[in-house]
Each structure stands twice: as structure tokens, then as C-alpha cells.
């Protein structure tokens, strides 16, 4: 609807909106307006710069996209990694590659490394055995103390042993044998 077609001028030349009748039968009063007036219903809603830009991108497409890339123009992953790396990253990469190449060049180094690893394993096992023996010894002594306490309670009559407690009391001989084997 063209709003300006409804505007009128009075005898003094002022613009006004003529009275209109409401649905209930009453009349709206004359409304004087300035030149260039646009009614609120016809004013465009506010759109932020971001929204306007997004609409422009939708119309244009992805910025910088010029269509499918030919096979010859594509970069390999190695090329992409090299272009994305900083100077220090490139230095570290070269050092890493050099270390890998040096390790692969000599078979003697590999043999020496395997013998060193075997020696380390033997050393670790020999160091861990005394600790494991002490742990097992301590654990077995703890179990024996628990069995002794349970036996005292049964002898006093304060506890009537159930199935599991009877099994525990029966294991006393096994635990003593294991303990004597460790020492």
C-alpha cells in the first residue's frame, strides 16, 4: 500500500493523515506529520551489520572460493604442513628426520639398543624381586594375624564361625607354608 497517496495538505499547506473509521465505528483524529514521514508499520525492521553481511555472503557464496581446484593445483599434506609450520617447527622437524635416518642407517646401533634394553629388563627384575618378596611376606603375616584373632574369638566362644570363617581358619597351614618358602 502506498502511504503517501493517503497524505493530504490543509489550507496552510501542512501534511496530515486524514481521519479513518475504526472497526467499532469510532473515528481516529487527524494526525499532522512532517515532510518525509514514514508510518511505523512501513519502517523496515533493524538489521545489524553482521546480518547484512551474512545475507551478502549467502548471495555471493564463500569468500575466496573460485570453484573446484584442478588436480595439478592441489597441495599434498606434506606441502600444507610445511607451509603452516613456523621456523622453529621446521627446525625441529629436520632434527627429528635426521635422528630417524641415523637410527635406521646402522644395524649395529639397533643391536646395541636391543642388548641395552635386555640388560635394563634384567636389572629391573632383579631390583623388583626383593621389594615383591617383602610385600608378600608382610601380606602373609597380616593374614596370619587375622586368622589368629579369629581363632581366639572362636576359642573364647564370642563368635560362632560361619562357612567363610571356617575356610579362612583352614587356610592357616597354606599361608604358613608360603611364608616359610619366602624366607
Protein backbone atom coordinates (compact mmCIF):
# COMPACT_ATOMS: atom_id res chain seq x y z
CA UNK A 1 0.00 0.00 0.00
CA UNK A 2 1.35 3.41 -0.94
CA UNK A 3 1.15 5.51 2.20
CA UNK A 4 1.99 8.84 0.54
CA UNK A 5 -1.15 8.60 -1.59
CA UNK A 6 -3.24 8.93 1.62
CA UNK A 7 -1.45 12.08 2.83
CA UNK A 8 -3.27 15.38 2.34
CA UNK A 9 -2.48 19.07 2.79
CA UNK A 10 -4.65 21.51 4.68
CA UNK A 11 -5.29 25.21 3.82
CA UNK A 12 -2.00 26.30 5.43
CA UNK A 13 -0.01 23.61 3.48
CA UNK A 14 0.67 21.26 6.39
CA UNK A 15 0.66 17.50 5.77
CA UNK A 16 -1.82 15.36 7.67
CA UNK A 17 -3.24 11.88 7.75
CA UNK A 18 -6.99 12.11 7.23
CA UNK A 19 -9.32 10.63 9.85
CA UNK A 20 -10.25 6.96 9.41
CA UNK A 21 -13.02 4.88 10.91
CA UNK A 22 -12.17 2.09 13.36
CA UNK A 23 -13.91 -1.30 13.23
CA UNK A 24 -16.05 -0.34 16.26
CA UNK A 25 -17.42 2.68 14.41
CA UNK A 26 -15.43 5.48 16.13
CA UNK A 27 -13.20 7.87 14.16
CA UNK A 28 -9.45 8.35 14.50
CA UNK A 29 -8.42 12.02 14.75
CA UNK A 30 -6.42 13.94 12.13
CA UNK A 31 -2.71 13.38 12.59
CA UNK A 32 -0.33 16.11 11.41
CA UNK A 33 3.03 14.84 10.13
CA UNK A 34 6.30 16.31 8.83
CA UNK A 35 7.66 16.01 5.32
CA UNK A 36 9.26 12.57 4.74
CA UNK A 37 7.19 10.91 7.48
CA UNK A 38 7.02 7.11 7.21
CA UNK A 39 4.49 5.29 9.42
CA UNK A 40 5.87 2.81 11.93
CA UNK A 41 4.20 -0.12 10.19
CA UNK A 42 6.09 0.60 6.99
CA UNK A 43 9.54 1.20 8.52
CA UNK A 44 11.94 -1.70 7.87
CA UNK A 45 13.00 -3.58 10.98
CA UNK A 46 16.56 -3.02 12.21
CA UNK A 47 19.21 -5.28 10.72
CA UNK A 48 22.72 -5.37 12.20
CA UNK A 49 25.84 -5.12 10.07
CA UNK A 50 26.60 -8.77 10.75
CA UNK A 51 23.19 -9.85 9.50
CA UNK A 52 23.53 -7.73 6.36
CA UNK A 53 27.00 -9.20 5.73
CA UNK A 54 25.70 -12.76 6.24
CA UNK A 55 22.94 -12.16 3.72
CA UNK A 56 25.52 -10.83 1.27
CA UNK A 57 27.70 -13.92 1.75
CA UNK A 58 24.74 -16.20 1.08
CA UNK A 59 24.13 -14.40 -2.17
CA UNK A 60 27.79 -14.40 -3.25
CA UNK A 61 28.90 -17.72 -1.75
CA UNK A 62 32.04 -18.46 0.22
CA UNK A 63 34.52 -15.57 0.10
CA UNK A 64 37.64 -16.52 -1.83
CA UNK A 65 36.13 -19.67 -3.33
CA UNK A 66 36.73 -19.74 -7.06
CA UNK A 67 35.33 -23.15 -7.93
CA UNK A 68 36.79 -26.65 -7.92
CA UNK A 69 40.58 -26.93 -7.79
CA UNK A 70 42.36 -28.87 -10.52
CA UNK A 71 44.42 -31.91 -9.51
CA UNK A 72 47.69 -30.19 -10.51
CA UNK A 73 46.96 -27.18 -8.27
CA UNK A 74 46.25 -29.23 -5.13
CA UNK A 75 48.88 -29.29 -2.41
CA UNK A 76 49.82 -32.51 -0.71
CA UNK A 77 49.61 -32.89 3.08
CA UNK A 78 53.39 -32.56 3.34
CA UNK A 79 53.26 -29.27 1.42
CA UNK A 80 50.46 -28.00 3.64
CA UNK A 81 52.34 -28.98 6.80
CA UNK A 82 55.49 -27.23 5.54
CA UNK A 83 53.59 -24.05 4.71
CA UNK A 84 51.80 -23.99 8.08
CA UNK A 85 54.93 -24.64 10.18
CA UNK A 86 56.83 -21.87 11.88
CA UNK A 87 60.58 -21.55 11.57
CA UNK A 88 61.26 -23.39 14.84
CA UNK A 89 58.83 -26.16 13.95
CA UNK A 90 60.65 -26.69 10.65
CA UNK A 91 63.99 -26.89 12.50
CA UNK A 92 62.60 -29.44 14.95
CA UNK A 93 61.13 -31.47 12.08
CA UNK A 94 64.53 -31.57 10.32
CA UNK A 95 66.27 -32.68 13.52
CA UNK A 96 63.67 -35.39 14.04
CA UNK A 97 64.08 -36.66 10.47
CA UNK A 98 67.87 -36.67 10.90
CA UNK A 99 67.61 -38.72 14.11
CA UNK A 100 65.30 -41.20 12.41
CA UNK A 101 67.62 -41.54 9.41
CA UNK A 102 70.67 -42.00 11.65
CA UNK A 103 68.89 -44.71 13.64
CA UNK A 104 67.83 -46.57 10.52
CA UNK A 105 71.27 -46.41 8.83
CA UNK A 106 73.21 -48.61 11.22
CA UNK A 107 72.20 -52.13 12.22
CA UNK A 108 74.83 -52.16 14.94
CA UNK A 109 73.04 -49.39 16.79
CA UNK A 110 69.85 -51.43 16.74
CA UNK A 111 71.66 -54.49 18.11
CA UNK A 112 73.28 -52.41 20.84
CA UNK A 113 69.95 -50.89 21.75
CA UNK A 114 68.30 -54.30 21.98
CA UNK A 115 71.08 -55.60 24.25
CA UNK A 116 70.78 -52.48 26.44
CA UNK A 117 67.03 -52.96 26.67
CA UNK A 118 67.52 -56.59 27.69
CA UNK A 119 70.05 -55.51 30.36
CA UNK A 120 67.58 -52.93 31.66
CA UNK A 121 64.85 -55.55 31.88
CA UNK A 122 67.14 -57.88 33.85
CA UNK A 123 68.16 -55.04 36.15
CA UNK A 124 64.56 -54.01 36.73
CA UNK A 125 63.51 -57.59 37.54
CA UNK A 126 66.37 -58.07 39.99
CA UNK A 127 65.55 -54.76 41.70
CA UNK A 128 61.84 -55.53 41.94
CA UNK A 129 62.16 -59.04 43.42
CA UNK A 130 63.29 -58.02 46.93
CA UNK A 131 60.50 -55.46 47.09
CA UNK A 132 57.93 -58.01 45.94
CA UNK A 133 59.21 -60.59 48.44
CA UNK A 134 58.94 -58.08 51.29
CA UNK A 135 55.42 -57.12 50.22
CA UNK A 136 54.28 -60.74 50.05
CA UNK A 137 55.88 -61.52 53.40
CA UNK A 138 54.13 -58.55 55.02
CA UNK A 139 50.81 -59.53 53.45
CA UNK A 140 51.08 -63.16 54.62
CA UNK A 141 51.93 -62.06 58.18
CA UNK A 142 48.88 -59.81 58.16
CA UNK A 143 46.68 -62.74 57.12
CA UNK A 144 48.17 -64.93 59.86
CA UNK A 145 47.40 -62.25 62.48
CA UNK A 146 43.80 -62.08 61.26
CA UNK A 147 43.48 -65.87 61.46
CA UNK A 148 44.96 -65.87 64.99
CA UNK A 149 42.49 -63.19 66.11
CA UNK A 150 39.59 -65.15 64.65
CA UNK A 151 40.82 -68.37 66.32
CA UNK A 152 40.98 -66.59 69.72
CA UNK A 153 37.39 -65.34 69.32
CA UNK A 154 36.20 -68.84 68.37
CA UNK A 155 38.05 -70.39 71.37
CA UNK A 156 36.53 -67.81 73.73
CA UNK A 157 33.07 -68.54 72.33
CA UNK A 158 32.27 -64.94 71.41
CA UNK A 159 31.99 -65.87 67.71
CA UNK A 160 30.42 -68.88 66.06
CA UNK A 161 32.29 -69.31 62.76
CA UNK A 162 30.31 -69.38 59.54
CA UNK A 163 31.33 -71.16 56.31
CA UNK A 164 33.76 -68.47 55.11
CA UNK A 165 35.44 -68.14 58.53
CA UNK A 166 35.95 -71.92 58.73
CA UNK A 167 37.61 -71.81 55.29
CA UNK A 168 39.81 -68.96 56.49
CA UNK A 169 40.90 -70.95 59.55
CA UNK A 170 41.64 -73.95 57.27
CA UNK A 171 43.99 -71.86 55.13
CA UNK A 172 46.38 -71.27 58.04
CA UNK A 173 48.65 -74.17 57.01
CA UNK A 174 48.87 -72.93 53.38
CA UNK A 175 49.82 -69.42 54.46
CA UNK A 176 52.49 -70.73 56.86
CA UNK A 177 53.95 -72.86 54.04
CA UNK A 178 54.06 -69.86 51.68
CA UNK A 179 55.71 -67.76 54.37
CA UNK A 180 58.37 -70.41 55.06
CA UNK A 181 59.04 -70.66 51.28
CA UNK A 182 59.73 -66.92 51.09
CA UNK A 183 62.26 -66.90 53.95
